[in-house]
Amino acid sequence: MLAVDDANHHRFQPDMAAGTEPPTTTPRVLSVIAFALERLVARNEGLVAESSGPMGQSLNVFHGVRAPTISIPKYLERIYKYTNCSPSCFVVGYVYIDRLLHKHPDSLVISLNVHRLLVTSVMVASKMLDDVHYNNAFFARVGGVSNGELNRLEIEMLFMLDFGVVVSSRVFENYCLYLEKEMLWNGAGHKMEKPILPTSVDQVTEFSVEDSQTSSSPPLMAD
């Protein structure tokens, strides 16, 4: 598998005029994953609010100082738009998060950690699935975290998964079936579209998950 660095990424995408962006058609599977995670976060936030003591500390390494203002759907759309990950990467990333919760039953996916879990899991999945993928520095820029932090989160996730990042075709199909049912139940259809061509690295708008905006073009923000 080939990691695309900032120096040679242009050979894998068409030239585009400055300030322009390719049309984006978000795969429906992203919306369904976002919906499932939003429900999970809402439930867990309620548990945390009702608890008299600390809960879900296994995922503390993924916690931010405060919950990002960018929504889960918008965050997934941003990752998809700029990294050109195949839709399968988001399904496998969802599998990784689910595996974390099973391996660490005291874990809680909440608003403080869900964004970092997503960008880390999708990045790891892209390395497993996609022949061409961006490097950690690019994913960090897209995800709104520092390169050093994303490197650390990747290592933490791999160890928490016991390096169990291989997803069999049977497991993948089972998760796809579950997500397809979710799509049908929520009136979203069931087709998973192919990814679009990536956006130039020079055109990736920067933001921080510590204090992000919900607009499609988050401004550059200081660390």
C-alpha atoms as a PDB file:
ATOM      1  CA  MET A   1       0.000   0.000   0.000  1.00  0.00           C
ATOM      2  CA  LEU A   2       1.217   3.461  -0.859  1.00  0.00           C
ATOM      3  CA  ALA A   3       0.969   6.471   1.420  1.00  0.00           C
ATOM      4  CA  VAL A   4       0.552   9.693  -0.483  1.00  0.00           C
ATOM      5  CA  ASP A   5       2.693  12.453   0.987  1.00  0.00           C
ATOM      6  CA  ASP A   6       2.282  16.170   0.532  1.00  0.00           C
ATOM      7  CA  ALA A   7       5.047  16.309  -2.060  1.00  0.00           C
ATOM      8  CA  ASN A   8       3.627  13.916  -4.624  1.00  0.00           C
ATOM      9  CA  HIS A   9      -0.127  13.848  -4.055  1.00  0.00           C
ATOM     10  CA  HIS A  10      -0.854  15.790  -7.246  1.00  0.00           C
ATOM     11  CA  ARG A  11      -0.111  12.805  -9.449  1.00  0.00           C
ATOM     12  CA  PHE A  12      -3.151  11.014  -8.034  1.00  0.00           C
ATOM     13  CA  GLN A  13      -5.724  13.707  -8.751  1.00  0.00           C
ATOM     14  CA  PRO A  14      -6.696  16.169 -11.471  1.00  0.00           C
ATOM     15  CA  ASP A  15      -5.557  19.780 -11.511  1.00  0.00           C
ATOM     16  CA  MET A  16      -8.092  22.122 -10.026  1.00  0.00           C
ATOM     17  CA  ALA A  17      -8.280  25.895 -10.044  1.00  0.00           C
ATOM     18  CA  ALA A  18      -7.507  27.620  -6.773  1.00  0.00           C
ATOM     19  CA  GLY A  19     -10.535  28.049  -4.564  1.00  0.00           C
ATOM     20  CA  THR A  20     -12.601  25.443  -6.399  1.00  0.00           C
ATOM     21  CA  GLU A  21     -13.801  22.145  -4.983  1.00  0.00           C
ATOM     22  CA  PRO A  22     -15.107  18.988  -6.648  1.00  0.00           C
ATOM     23  CA  PRO A  23     -18.796  18.199  -6.302  1.00  0.00           C
ATOM     24  CA  THR A  24     -19.326  15.962  -3.287  1.00  0.00           C
ATOM     25  CA  THR A  25     -21.888  13.193  -3.123  1.00  0.00           C
ATOM     26  CA  THR A  26     -21.726  11.760   0.367  1.00  0.00           C
ATOM     27  CA  PRO A  27     -22.282   7.992   0.523  1.00  0.00           C
ATOM     28  CA  ARG A  28     -25.427   7.149   2.426  1.00  0.00           C
ATOM     29  CA  VAL A  29     -23.489   4.751   4.641  1.00  0.00           C
ATOM     30  CA  LEU A  30     -21.784   7.755   6.252  1.00  0.00           C
ATOM     31  CA  SER A  31     -25.145   9.179   7.251  1.00  0.00           C
ATOM     32  CA  VAL A  32     -26.184   5.881   8.791  1.00  0.00           C
ATOM     33  CA  ILE A  33     -22.930   5.487  10.719  1.00  0.00           C
ATOM     34  CA  ALA A  34     -23.300   9.060  11.936  1.00  0.00           C
ATOM     35  CA  PHE A  35     -26.881   8.368  13.006  1.00  0.00           C
ATOM     36  CA  ALA A  36     -25.843   5.244  14.937  1.00  0.00           C
ATOM     37  CA  LEU A  37     -22.995   7.067  16.664  1.00  0.00           C
ATOM     38  CA  GLU A  38     -25.147  10.072  17.518  1.00  0.00           C
ATOM     39  CA  ARG A  39     -27.644   7.772  19.233  1.00  0.00           C
ATOM     40  CA  LEU A  40     -24.813   6.032  21.086  1.00  0.00           C
ATOM     41  CA  VAL A  41     -23.287   9.326  22.218  1.00  0.00           C
ATOM     42  CA  ALA A  42     -26.665  10.654  23.363  1.00  0.00           C
ATOM     43  CA  ARG A  43     -27.309   7.530  25.416  1.00  0.00           C
ATOM     44  CA  ASN A  44     -23.848   7.568  26.970  1.00  0.00           C
ATOM     45  CA  GLU A  45     -24.006  11.270  27.761  1.00  0.00           C
ATOM     46  CA  GLY A  46     -27.159  10.498  29.725  1.00  0.00           C
ATOM     47  CA  LEU A  47     -25.379   7.742  31.629  1.00  0.00           C
ATOM     48  CA  VAL A  48     -22.500  10.060  32.459  1.00  0.00           C
ATOM     49  CA  ALA A  49     -24.879  12.763  33.654  1.00  0.00           C
ATOM     50  CA  GLU A  50     -26.655  10.312  35.951  1.00  0.00           C
ATOM     51  CA  SER A  51     -23.473   8.742  37.308  1.00  0.00           C
ATOM     52  CA  SER A  52     -22.046   9.847  40.634  1.00  0.00           C
ATOM     53  CA  GLY A  53     -18.525   8.728  39.720  1.00  0.00           C
ATOM     54  CA  PRO A  54     -16.173   8.514  36.731  1.00  0.00           C
ATOM     55  CA  MET A  55     -17.246   6.279  33.856  1.00  0.00           C
ATOM     56  CA  GLY A  56     -15.725   5.005  30.644  1.00  0.00           C
ATOM     57  CA  GLN A  57     -12.127   5.900  31.451  1.00  0.00           C
ATOM     58  CA  SER A  58     -10.634   3.368  29.030  1.00  0.00           C
ATOM     59  CA  LEU A  59     -11.018   5.866  26.181  1.00  0.00           C
ATOM     60  CA  ASN A  60      -9.668   8.871  28.098  1.00  0.00           C
ATOM     61  CA  VAL A  61      -6.696   9.054  25.756  1.00  0.00           C
ATOM     62  CA  PHE A  62      -9.133  10.064  22.993  1.00  0.00           C
ATOM     63  CA  HIS A  63     -10.775  12.773  25.079  1.00  0.00           C
ATOM     64  CA  GLY A  64     -10.526  16.392  24.068  1.00  0.00           C
ATOM     65  CA  VAL A  65     -10.641  19.362  26.400  1.00  0.00           C
ATOM     66  CA  ARG A  66     -14.200  20.043  25.267  1.00  0.00           C
ATOM     67  CA  ALA A  67     -16.655  18.618  22.777  1.00  0.00           C
ATOM     68  CA  PRO A  68     -16.127  19.893  19.210  1.00  0.00           C
ATOM     69  CA  THR A  69     -18.929  21.974  17.763  1.00  0.00           C
ATOM     70  CA  ILE A  70     -18.762  20.234  14.385  1.00  0.00           C
ATOM     71  CA  SER A  71     -21.413  17.527  14.188  1.00  0.00           C
ATOM     72  CA  ILE A  72     -20.615  13.864  13.620  1.00  0.00           C
ATOM     73  CA  PRO A  73     -22.225  13.852  10.131  1.00  0.00           C
ATOM     74  CA  LYS A  74     -20.285  16.956   9.061  1.00  0.00           C
ATOM     75  CA  TYR A  75     -17.065  15.514  10.457  1.00  0.00           C
ATOM     76  CA  LEU A  76     -17.484  12.274   8.512  1.00  0.00           C
ATOM     77  CA  GLU A  77     -18.317  14.258   5.376  1.00  0.00           C
ATOM     78  CA  ARG A  78     -15.135  16.283   5.846  1.00  0.00           C
ATOM     79  CA  ILE A  79     -12.975  13.169   6.184  1.00  0.00           C
ATOM     80  CA  TYR A  80     -14.595  11.626   3.121  1.00  0.00           C
ATOM     81  CA  LYS A  81     -14.343  14.794   1.054  1.00  0.00           C
ATOM     82  CA  TYR A  82     -10.646  15.438   1.575  1.00  0.00           C
ATOM     83  CA  THR A  83      -9.107  11.983   2.079  1.00  0.00           C
ATOM     84  CA  ASN A  84     -10.965  10.108  -0.659  1.00  0.00           C
ATOM     85  CA  CYS A  85     -11.259   7.078   1.600  1.00  0.00           C
ATOM     86  CA  SER A  86     -13.456   4.391   0.125  1.00  0.00           C
ATOM     87  CA  PRO A  87     -16.837   3.931   1.848  1.00  0.00           C
ATOM     88  CA  SER A  88     -15.565   0.566   3.066  1.00  0.00           C
ATOM     89  CA  CYS A  89     -13.042   2.395   5.263  1.00  0.00           C
ATOM     90  CA  PHE A  90     -15.859   4.020   7.220  1.00  0.00           C
ATOM     91  CA  VAL A  91     -17.571   0.670   7.738  1.00  0.00           C
ATOM     92  CA  VAL A  92     -14.324  -0.917   8.932  1.00  0.00           C
ATOM     93  CA  GLY A  93     -13.630   2.123  11.120  1.00  0.00           C
ATOM     94  CA  TYR A  94     -17.049   1.543  12.681  1.00  0.00           C
ATOM     95  CA  VAL A  95     -16.061  -2.105  13.234  1.00  0.00           C
ATOM     96  CA  TYR A  96     -12.894  -0.985  15.046  1.00  0.00           C
ATOM     97  CA  ILE A  97     -14.861   1.287  17.379  1.00  0.00           C
ATOM     98  CA  ASP A  98     -17.318  -1.531  18.075  1.00  0.00           C
ATOM     99  CA  ARG A  99     -14.414  -3.880  18.803  1.00  0.00           C
ATOM    100  CA  LEU A 100     -12.972  -1.370  21.250  1.00  0.00           C
ATOM    101  CA  LEU A 101     -16.258  -1.291  23.129  1.00  0.00           C
ATOM    102  CA  HIS A 102     -16.372  -5.083  23.318  1.00  0.00           C
ATOM    103  CA  LYS A 103     -12.743  -5.416  24.388  1.00  0.00           C
ATOM    104  CA  HIS A 104     -13.110  -2.655  26.965  1.00  0.00           C
ATOM    105  CA  PRO A 105     -16.657  -2.897  28.369  1.00  0.00           C
ATOM    106  CA  ASP A 106     -16.163   0.132  30.610  1.00  0.00           C
ATOM    107  CA  SER A 107     -15.582   2.297  27.519  1.00  0.00           C
ATOM    108  CA  LEU A 108     -18.067   4.999  26.601  1.00  0.00           C
ATOM    109  CA  VAL A 109     -18.179   6.815  23.282  1.00  0.00           C
ATOM    110  CA  ILE A 110     -19.150  10.366  24.185  1.00  0.00           C
ATOM    111  CA  SER A 111     -18.921  13.825  22.661  1.00  0.00           C
ATOM    112  CA  LEU A 112     -15.420  14.327  24.076  1.00  0.00           C
ATOM    113  CA  ASN A 113     -13.898  11.376  22.210  1.00  0.00           C
ATOM    114  CA  VAL A 114     -16.088  10.394  19.248  1.00  0.00           C
ATOM    115  CA  HIS A 115     -14.351  12.675  16.716  1.00  0.00           C
ATOM    116  CA  ARG A 116     -10.858  11.454  17.580  1.00  0.00           C
ATOM    117  CA  LEU A 117     -12.059   7.858  17.532  1.00  0.00           C
ATOM    118  CA  LEU A 118     -13.486   8.410  14.063  1.00  0.00           C
ATOM    119  CA  VAL A 119     -10.491  10.032  12.410  1.00  0.00           C
ATOM    120  CA  THR A 120      -8.131   7.465  13.961  1.00  0.00           C
ATOM    121  CA  SER A 121     -10.224   4.432  13.060  1.00  0.00           C
ATOM    122  CA  VAL A 122     -10.878   5.586   9.484  1.00  0.00           C
ATOM    123  CA  MET A 123      -7.193   6.350   8.985  1.00  0.00           C
ATOM    124  CA  VAL A 124      -6.170   2.883  10.188  1.00  0.00           C
ATOM    125  CA  ALA A 125      -8.855   1.326   7.988  1.00  0.00           C
ATOM    126  CA  SER A 126      -7.595   3.242   4.949  1.00  0.00           C
ATOM    127  CA  LYS A 127      -4.139   1.775   5.468  1.00  0.00           C
ATOM    128  CA  MET A 128      -5.644  -1.699   5.553  1.00  0.00           C
ATOM    129  CA  LEU A 129      -8.016  -1.330   2.611  1.00  0.00           C
ATOM    130  CA  ASP A 130      -6.993   1.377   0.165  1.00  0.00           C
ATOM    131  CA  ASP A 131      -4.113   0.906  -2.272  1.00  0.00           C
ATOM    132  CA  VAL A 132      -3.466   4.644  -2.167  1.00  0.00           C
ATOM    133  CA  HIS A 133      -3.960   6.601   1.025  1.00  0.00           C
ATOM    134  CA  TYR A 134      -2.777   9.829   2.606  1.00  0.00           C
ATOM    135  CA  ASN A 135      -0.244   9.902   5.415  1.00  0.00           C
ATOM    136  CA  ASN A 136      -0.872  10.667   9.084  1.00  0.00           C
ATOM    137  CA  ALA A 137       0.010  14.335   8.708  1.00  0.00           C
ATOM    138  CA  PHE A 138      -2.683  14.817   6.077  1.00  0.00           C
ATOM    139  CA  PHE A 139      -5.309  12.974   8.139  1.00  0.00           C
ATOM    140  CA  ALA A 140      -4.352  15.088  11.147  1.00  0.00           C
ATOM    141  CA  ARG A 141      -4.856  18.272   9.136  1.00  0.00           C
ATOM    142  CA  VAL A 142      -8.237  17.087   7.906  1.00  0.00           C
ATOM    143  CA  GLY A 143      -9.272  15.807  11.336  1.00  0.00           C
ATOM    144  CA  GLY A 144      -8.315  18.944  13.224  1.00  0.00           C
ATOM    145  CA  VAL A 145      -5.654  17.432  15.474  1.00  0.00           C
ATOM    146  CA  SER A 146      -1.882  17.699  15.511  1.00  0.00           C
ATOM    147  CA  ASN A 147       0.234  15.155  13.680  1.00  0.00           C
ATOM    148  CA  GLY A 148       1.891  14.133  16.927  1.00  0.00           C
ATOM    149  CA  GLU A 149      -1.445  13.544  18.630  1.00  0.00           C
ATOM    150  CA  LEU A 150      -2.818  11.463  15.776  1.00  0.00           C
ATOM    151  CA  ASN A 151       0.345   9.357  15.748  1.00  0.00           C
ATOM    152  CA  ARG A 152      -0.164   8.701  19.456  1.00  0.00           C
ATOM    153  CA  LEU A 153      -3.867   7.937  19.041  1.00  0.00           C
ATOM    154  CA  GLU A 154      -3.110   5.470  16.262  1.00  0.00           C
ATOM    155  CA  ILE A 155      -0.686   3.577  18.495  1.00  0.00           C
ATOM    156  CA  GLU A 156      -3.142   3.621  21.399  1.00  0.00           C
ATOM    157  CA  MET A 157      -5.945   2.268  19.226  1.00  0.00           C
ATOM    158  CA  LEU A 158      -3.792  -0.507  17.804  1.00  0.00           C
ATOM    159  CA  PHE A 159      -2.743  -1.673  21.259  1.00  0.00           C
ATOM    160  CA  MET A 160      -6.292  -1.422  22.616  1.00  0.00           C
ATOM    161  CA  LEU A 161      -7.407  -3.611  19.695  1.00  0.00           C
ATOM    162  CA  ASP A 162      -4.477  -5.986  20.309  1.00  0.00           C
ATOM    163  CA  PHE A 163      -3.610  -5.172  16.697  1.00  0.00           C
ATOM    164  CA  GLY A 164      -6.810  -6.908  15.604  1.00  0.00           C
ATOM    165  CA  VAL A 165      -7.352  -4.768  12.531  1.00  0.00           C
ATOM    166  CA  VAL A 166      -8.122  -7.510  10.028  1.00  0.00           C
ATOM    167  CA  VAL A 167     -11.820  -7.671   9.215  1.00  0.00           C
ATOM    168  CA  SER A 168     -12.960 -10.840   7.488  1.00  0.00           C
ATOM    169  CA  SER A 169     -15.360 -10.709   4.572  1.00  0.00           C
ATOM    170  CA  ARG A 170     -18.003 -12.397   6.735  1.00  0.00           C
ATOM    171  CA  VAL A 171     -17.705  -9.810   9.499  1.00  0.00           C
ATOM    172  CA  PHE A 172     -17.650  -6.988   6.964  1.00  0.00           C
ATOM    173  CA  GLU A 173     -20.770  -8.325   5.267  1.00  0.00           C
ATOM    174  CA  ASN A 174     -22.543  -8.657   8.620  1.00  0.00           C
ATOM    175  CA  TYR A 175     -21.830  -5.035   9.498  1.00  0.00           C
ATOM    176  CA  CYS A 176     -22.875  -3.914   6.018  1.00  0.00           C
ATOM    177  CA  LEU A 177     -26.110  -5.842   6.407  1.00  0.00           C
ATOM    178  CA  TYR A 178     -26.722  -4.174   9.758  1.00  0.00           C
ATOM    179  CA  LEU A 179     -26.036  -0.724   8.292  1.00  0.00           C
ATOM    180  CA  GLU A 180     -28.199  -1.433   5.249  1.00  0.00           C
ATOM    181  CA  LYS A 181     -31.056  -2.347   7.584  1.00  0.00           C
ATOM    182  CA  GLU A 182     -30.454   0.887   9.459  1.00  0.00           C
ATOM    183  CA  MET A 183     -30.676   2.755   6.156  1.00  0.00           C
ATOM    184  CA  LEU A 184     -33.969   1.102   5.288  1.00  0.00           C
ATOM    185  CA  TRP A 185     -35.413   1.665   8.756  1.00  0.00           C
ATOM    186  CA  ASN A 186     -34.527   5.345   8.513  1.00  0.00           C
ATOM    187  CA  GLY A 187     -35.642   5.819   4.913  1.00  0.00           C
ATOM    188  CA  ALA A 188     -32.131   6.473   3.575  1.00  0.00           C
ATOM    189  CA  GLY A 189     -31.972   3.755   0.932  1.00  0.00           C
ATOM    190  CA  HIS A 190     -29.232   1.142   0.815  1.00  0.00           C
ATOM    191  CA  LYS A 191     -26.767   1.974  -1.969  1.00  0.00           C
ATOM    192  CA  MET A 192     -23.138   2.766  -1.079  1.00  0.00           C
ATOM    193  CA  GLU A 193     -21.709   5.155  -3.661  1.00  0.00           C
ATOM    194  CA  LYS A 194     -18.100   5.136  -4.800  1.00  0.00           C
ATOM    195  CA  PRO A 195     -15.763   7.866  -3.474  1.00  0.00           C
ATOM    196  CA  ILE A 196     -14.969  11.002  -5.448  1.00  0.00           C
ATOM    197  CA  LEU A 197     -11.560  12.272  -6.534  1.00  0.00           C
ATOM    198  CA  PRO A 198      -9.612  13.851  -3.655  1.00  0.00           C
ATOM    199  CA  THR A 199      -9.321  17.569  -3.044  1.00  0.00           C
ATOM    200  CA  SER A 200      -5.873  19.159  -3.245  1.00  0.00           C
ATOM    201  CA  VAL A 201      -3.935  19.255   0.010  1.00  0.00           C
ATOM    202  CA  ASP A 202      -3.413  22.986  -0.502  1.00  0.00           C
ATOM    203  CA  GLN A 203      -7.173  23.487  -0.514  1.00  0.00           C
ATOM    204  CA  VAL A 204      -7.926  21.648   2.726  1.00  0.00           C
ATOM    205  CA  THR A 205      -9.353  24.200   5.116  1.00  0.00           C
ATOM    206  CA  GLU A 206      -7.876  23.829   8.578  1.00  0.00           C
ATOM    207  CA  PHE A 207      -9.652  23.668  11.892  1.00  0.00           C
ATOM    208  CA  SER A 208      -9.275  22.239  15.379  1.00  0.00           C
ATOM    209  CA  VAL A 209     -11.591  19.673  16.932  1.00  0.00           C
ATOM    210  CA  GLU A 210     -11.152  21.568  20.182  1.00  0.00           C
ATOM    211  CA  ASP A 211     -13.078  24.562  18.836  1.00  0.00           C
ATOM    212  CA  SER A 212     -14.473  23.861  15.393  1.00  0.00           C
ATOM    213  CA  GLN A 213     -17.271  25.317  13.328  1.00  0.00           C
ATOM    214  CA  THR A 214     -20.143  23.471  11.683  1.00  0.00           C
ATOM    215  CA  SER A 215     -19.731  25.208   8.341  1.00  0.00           C
ATOM    216  CA  SER A 216     -18.318  23.378   5.348  1.00  0.00           C
ATOM    217  CA  SER A 217     -15.217  25.594   5.394  1.00  0.00           C
ATOM    218  CA  PRO A 218     -13.900  25.789   8.978  1.00  0.00           C
ATOM    219  CA  PRO A 219     -11.438  28.681   9.459  1.00  0.00           C
ATOM    220  CA  LEU A 220      -7.832  28.280  10.475  1.00  0.00           C
ATOM    221  CA  MET A 221      -7.697  28.321  14.255  1.00  0.00           C
ATOM    222  CA  ALA A 222      -4.798  28.589  16.657  1.00  0.00           C
ATOM    223  CA  ASP A 223      -3.854  25.568  18.711  1.00  0.00           C
END
